[in-house]
Amino acid sequence: MKVQDREVVKNLLQYLTSKNLTGSVEFREALKHFNVTTVYRWENKHSERPYVVDVFAPDIECGFERHSFKEKHSADFFCEVVCAAGDDE
């Protein structure tokens, strides 16, 4: 797959994630097939760790992993590291 094509697929899957369209079998299969990781960020203002990141990755069997952080910059850094992990293709 060309680098440009892979970037288009990654952007599409991240867009679907941002719209919470992650529940289908097809979404999971696309993550696996293209080895793409996406993240959904949100805030839970009633929590001690209000910055939440849901990670959708090919190797997560239950669908996603949830991580929470006390500070926004920690959540942002985590997202950068997680999303960059699949860029070695």
N, C-alpha and C. Protein backbone atom coordinates (compact mmCIF):
# COMPACT_ATOMS: atom_id res chain seq x y z
N MET A 1 0.84 -1.17 0.00
CA MET A 1 0.00 0.00 0.00
C MET A 1 0.89 1.24 0.00
N LYS A 2 0.52 2.19 -0.80
CA LYS A 2 1.26 3.45 -0.85
C LYS A 2 1.08 4.21 0.46
N VAL A 3 2.07 5.01 0.79
CA VAL A 3 2.02 5.81 2.02
C VAL A 3 0.80 6.72 2.01
N GLN A 4 0.53 7.33 0.87
CA GLN A 4 -0.61 8.24 0.78
C GLN A 4 -1.92 7.49 1.00
N ASP A 5 -2.06 6.28 0.43
CA ASP A 5 -3.26 5.49 0.62
C ASP A 5 -3.45 5.12 2.09
N ARG A 6 -2.36 4.73 2.73
CA ARG A 6 -2.42 4.37 4.15
C ARG A 6 -2.88 5.57 4.98
N GLU A 7 -2.39 6.74 4.66
CA GLU A 7 -2.78 7.95 5.39
C GLU A 7 -4.27 8.22 5.23
N VAL A 8 -4.81 8.00 4.05
CA VAL A 8 -6.24 8.19 3.81
C VAL A 8 -7.05 7.21 4.66
N VAL A 9 -6.63 5.96 4.72
CA VAL A 9 -7.33 4.95 5.53
C VAL A 9 -7.25 5.32 7.01
N LYS A 10 -6.08 5.72 7.48
CA LYS A 10 -5.93 6.13 8.88
C LYS A 10 -6.85 7.31 9.21
N ASN A 11 -6.90 8.28 8.33
CA ASN A 11 -7.75 9.45 8.56
C ASN A 11 -9.23 9.07 8.59
N LEU A 12 -9.63 8.18 7.70
CA LEU A 12 -11.02 7.73 7.67
C LEU A 12 -11.38 6.99 8.96
N LEU A 13 -10.52 6.08 9.40
CA LEU A 13 -10.79 5.34 10.63
C LEU A 13 -10.80 6.27 11.85
N GLN A 14 -9.92 7.26 11.87
CA GLN A 14 -9.93 8.22 12.98
C GLN A 14 -11.20 9.06 12.95
N TYR A 15 -11.66 9.42 11.76
CA TYR A 15 -12.92 10.17 11.64
C TYR A 15 -14.08 9.35 12.19
N LEU A 16 -14.14 8.07 11.82
CA LEU A 16 -15.20 7.20 12.34
C LEU A 16 -15.12 7.11 13.87
N THR A 17 -13.92 7.05 14.40
CA THR A 17 -13.74 7.01 15.85
C THR A 17 -14.25 8.30 16.49
N SER A 18 -13.94 9.43 15.88
CA SER A 18 -14.36 10.72 16.45
C SER A 18 -15.88 10.87 16.45
N LYS A 19 -16.56 10.13 15.59
CA LYS A 19 -18.03 10.15 15.53
C LYS A 19 -18.65 8.99 16.30
N ASN A 20 -17.82 8.26 17.05
CA ASN A 20 -18.27 7.09 17.83
C ASN A 20 -18.89 6.00 16.96
N LEU A 21 -18.38 5.82 15.77
CA LEU A 21 -18.86 4.78 14.86
C LEU A 21 -17.88 3.62 14.87
N THR A 22 -17.69 3.03 16.05
CA THR A 22 -16.65 2.02 16.24
C THR A 22 -17.19 0.65 16.61
N GLY A 23 -18.50 0.48 16.63
CA GLY A 23 -19.08 -0.76 17.13
C GLY A 23 -19.23 -1.87 16.12
N SER A 24 -18.94 -1.63 14.87
CA SER A 24 -19.19 -2.65 13.85
C SER A 24 -18.01 -3.61 13.70
N VAL A 25 -18.33 -4.78 13.22
CA VAL A 25 -17.30 -5.78 12.90
C VAL A 25 -16.39 -5.24 11.81
N GLU A 26 -16.95 -4.52 10.86
CA GLU A 26 -16.16 -3.97 9.75
C GLU A 26 -15.11 -2.98 10.25
N PHE A 27 -15.46 -2.18 11.23
CA PHE A 27 -14.49 -1.24 11.80
C PHE A 27 -13.32 -2.00 12.41
N ARG A 28 -13.62 -3.01 13.21
CA ARG A 28 -12.58 -3.83 13.85
C ARG A 28 -11.71 -4.52 12.80
N GLU A 29 -12.33 -5.05 11.76
CA GLU A 29 -11.57 -5.73 10.70
C GLU A 29 -10.66 -4.75 9.96
N ALA A 30 -11.14 -3.54 9.73
CA ALA A 30 -10.30 -2.53 9.06
C ALA A 30 -9.10 -2.16 9.94
N LEU A 31 -9.30 -2.02 11.25
CA LEU A 31 -8.17 -1.76 12.15
C LEU A 31 -7.13 -2.86 12.03
N LYS A 32 -7.60 -4.10 12.03
CA LYS A 32 -6.69 -5.24 11.94
C LYS A 32 -5.99 -5.31 10.59
N HIS A 33 -6.77 -5.17 9.52
CA HIS A 33 -6.23 -5.32 8.17
C HIS A 33 -5.15 -4.27 7.88
N PHE A 34 -5.40 -3.04 8.29
CA PHE A 34 -4.47 -1.95 7.99
C PHE A 34 -3.53 -1.64 9.16
N ASN A 35 -3.66 -2.38 10.27
CA ASN A 35 -2.83 -2.20 11.46
C ASN A 35 -2.82 -0.73 11.90
N VAL A 36 -4.02 -0.21 12.15
CA VAL A 36 -4.20 1.19 12.52
C VAL A 36 -4.73 1.27 13.95
N THR A 37 -4.25 2.25 14.69
CA THR A 37 -4.75 2.55 16.03
C THR A 37 -5.38 3.93 16.01
N THR A 38 -6.58 4.04 16.60
CA THR A 38 -7.25 5.33 16.69
C THR A 38 -7.56 5.63 18.15
N VAL A 39 -7.82 6.90 18.43
CA VAL A 39 -8.14 7.31 19.80
C VAL A 39 -9.35 8.24 19.81
N TYR A 40 -10.10 8.15 20.89
CA TYR A 40 -11.22 9.06 21.14
C TYR A 40 -10.95 9.74 22.48
N ARG A 41 -10.89 11.06 22.47
CA ARG A 41 -10.60 11.84 23.69
C ARG A 41 -11.88 12.52 24.17
N TRP A 42 -12.06 12.49 25.47
CA TRP A 42 -13.20 13.19 26.06
C TRP A 42 -12.90 13.55 27.51
N GLU A 43 -13.76 14.39 28.09
CA GLU A 43 -13.56 14.83 29.47
C GLU A 43 -14.71 14.36 30.34
N ASN A 44 -14.35 13.83 31.49
CA ASN A 44 -15.31 13.46 32.52
C ASN A 44 -15.09 14.43 33.67
N LYS A 45 -15.81 15.52 33.68
CA LYS A 45 -15.56 16.60 34.64
C LYS A 45 -15.88 16.22 36.08
N HIS A 46 -16.52 15.08 36.29
CA HIS A 46 -16.88 14.64 37.63
C HIS A 46 -15.88 13.64 38.20
N SER A 47 -14.72 13.52 37.58
CA SER A 47 -13.72 12.54 38.00
C SER A 47 -12.44 13.23 38.45
N GLU A 48 -11.68 12.56 39.30
CA GLU A 48 -10.37 13.08 39.69
C GLU A 48 -9.39 13.03 38.53
N ARG A 49 -9.65 12.14 37.59
CA ARG A 49 -8.81 12.00 36.39
C ARG A 49 -9.72 12.30 35.18
N PRO A 50 -9.96 13.58 34.90
CA PRO A 50 -11.01 13.95 33.96
C PRO A 50 -10.68 13.77 32.47
N TYR A 51 -9.42 13.61 32.12
CA TYR A 51 -9.06 13.53 30.71
C TYR A 51 -8.98 12.06 30.31
N VAL A 52 -9.95 11.64 29.49
CA VAL A 52 -10.11 10.23 29.16
C VAL A 52 -9.73 10.00 27.70
N VAL A 53 -9.03 8.88 27.47
CA VAL A 53 -8.64 8.48 26.12
C VAL A 53 -9.08 7.03 25.93
N ASP A 54 -9.92 6.81 24.93
CA ASP A 54 -10.30 5.45 24.54
C ASP A 54 -9.44 5.08 23.34
N VAL A 55 -8.76 3.94 23.44
CA VAL A 55 -7.84 3.48 22.39
C VAL A 55 -8.47 2.30 21.66
N PHE A 56 -8.55 2.40 20.34
CA PHE A 56 -9.04 1.32 19.49
C PHE A 56 -7.85 0.83 18.67
N ALA A 57 -7.47 -0.42 18.89
CA ALA A 57 -6.28 -0.96 18.23
C ALA A 57 -6.54 -2.40 17.79
N PRO A 58 -5.79 -2.86 16.79
CA PRO A 58 -6.00 -4.22 16.26
C PRO A 58 -5.81 -5.32 17.29
N ASP A 59 -4.95 -5.10 18.27
CA ASP A 59 -4.65 -6.15 19.23
C ASP A 59 -5.50 -6.10 20.50
N ILE A 60 -6.48 -5.22 20.54
CA ILE A 60 -7.38 -5.13 21.70
C ILE A 60 -8.64 -5.93 21.39
N GLU A 61 -8.79 -7.06 22.04
CA GLU A 61 -9.88 -7.98 21.73
C GLU A 61 -11.25 -7.48 22.17
N CYS A 62 -11.32 -6.76 23.28
CA CYS A 62 -12.63 -6.34 23.82
C CYS A 62 -13.18 -5.10 23.12
N GLY A 63 -12.49 -4.57 22.14
CA GLY A 63 -12.97 -3.41 21.41
C GLY A 63 -12.14 -2.16 21.64
N PHE A 64 -11.92 -1.82 22.92
CA PHE A 64 -11.11 -0.64 23.22
C PHE A 64 -10.57 -0.72 24.64
N GLU A 65 -9.58 0.13 24.91
CA GLU A 65 -9.03 0.30 26.26
C GLU A 65 -9.24 1.74 26.67
N ARG A 66 -9.62 1.94 27.92
CA ARG A 66 -9.83 3.29 28.42
C ARG A 66 -8.70 3.66 29.38
N HIS A 67 -8.16 4.86 29.17
CA HIS A 67 -7.11 5.40 30.03
C HIS A 67 -7.54 6.79 30.48
N SER A 68 -7.29 7.11 31.74
CA SER A 68 -7.65 8.44 32.23
C SER A 68 -6.43 9.12 32.85
N PHE A 69 -6.44 10.44 32.77
CA PHE A 69 -5.30 11.24 33.19
C PHE A 69 -5.76 12.45 34.00
N LYS A 70 -4.90 12.89 34.90
CA LYS A 70 -5.20 14.08 35.71
C LYS A 70 -4.99 15.36 34.92
N GLU A 71 -4.06 15.33 33.97
CA GLU A 71 -3.71 16.55 33.24
C GLU A 71 -3.88 16.35 31.74
N LYS A 72 -4.35 17.40 31.08
CA LYS A 72 -4.62 17.33 29.64
C LYS A 72 -3.35 17.04 28.84
N HIS A 73 -2.24 17.65 29.20
CA HIS A 73 -1.01 17.44 28.42
C HIS A 73 -0.56 15.98 28.51
N SER A 74 -0.83 15.31 29.62
CA SER A 74 -0.48 13.88 29.73
C SER A 74 -1.33 13.05 28.78
N ALA A 75 -2.61 13.37 28.69
CA ALA A 75 -3.51 12.67 27.77
C ALA A 75 -3.09 12.92 26.32
N ASP A 76 -2.75 14.17 26.00
CA ASP A 76 -2.32 14.50 24.65
C ASP A 76 -1.04 13.76 24.26
N PHE A 77 -0.08 13.72 25.18
CA PHE A 77 1.17 13.01 24.91
C PHE A 77 0.91 11.52 24.71
N PHE A 78 0.06 10.95 25.55
CA PHE A 78 -0.30 9.53 25.42
C PHE A 78 -0.88 9.26 24.03
N CYS A 79 -1.78 10.11 23.57
CA CYS A 79 -2.39 9.94 22.24
C CYS A 79 -1.34 9.98 21.14
N GLU A 80 -0.42 10.91 21.23
CA GLU A 80 0.64 11.01 20.22
C GLU A 80 1.47 9.74 20.16
N VAL A 81 1.84 9.22 21.31
CA VAL A 81 2.67 8.01 21.36
C VAL A 81 1.91 6.80 20.83
N VAL A 82 0.66 6.65 21.27
CA VAL A 82 -0.15 5.50 20.86
C VAL A 82 -0.40 5.52 19.36
N CYS A 83 -0.77 6.66 18.81
CA CYS A 83 -1.07 6.74 17.38
C CYS A 83 0.19 6.61 16.53
N ALA A 84 1.32 7.02 17.02
CA ALA A 84 2.57 6.91 16.27
C ALA A 84 3.08 5.47 16.23
N ALA A 85 2.64 4.64 17.15
CA ALA A 85 3.14 3.26 17.24
C ALA A 85 2.89 2.46 15.97
N GLY A 86 1.81 2.73 15.26
CA GLY A 86 1.50 1.98 14.05
C GLY A 86 2.06 2.58 12.78
N ASP A 87 2.86 3.62 12.89
CA ASP A 87 3.37 4.32 11.71
C ASP A 87 4.63 3.70 11.12
N ASP A 88 5.06 2.57 11.62
CA ASP A 88 6.28 1.94 11.11
C ASP A 88 6.04 1.10 9.87
N GLU A 89 4.84 1.09 9.38
CA GLU A 89 4.49 0.25 8.22
C GLU A 89 5.22 0.69 6.98
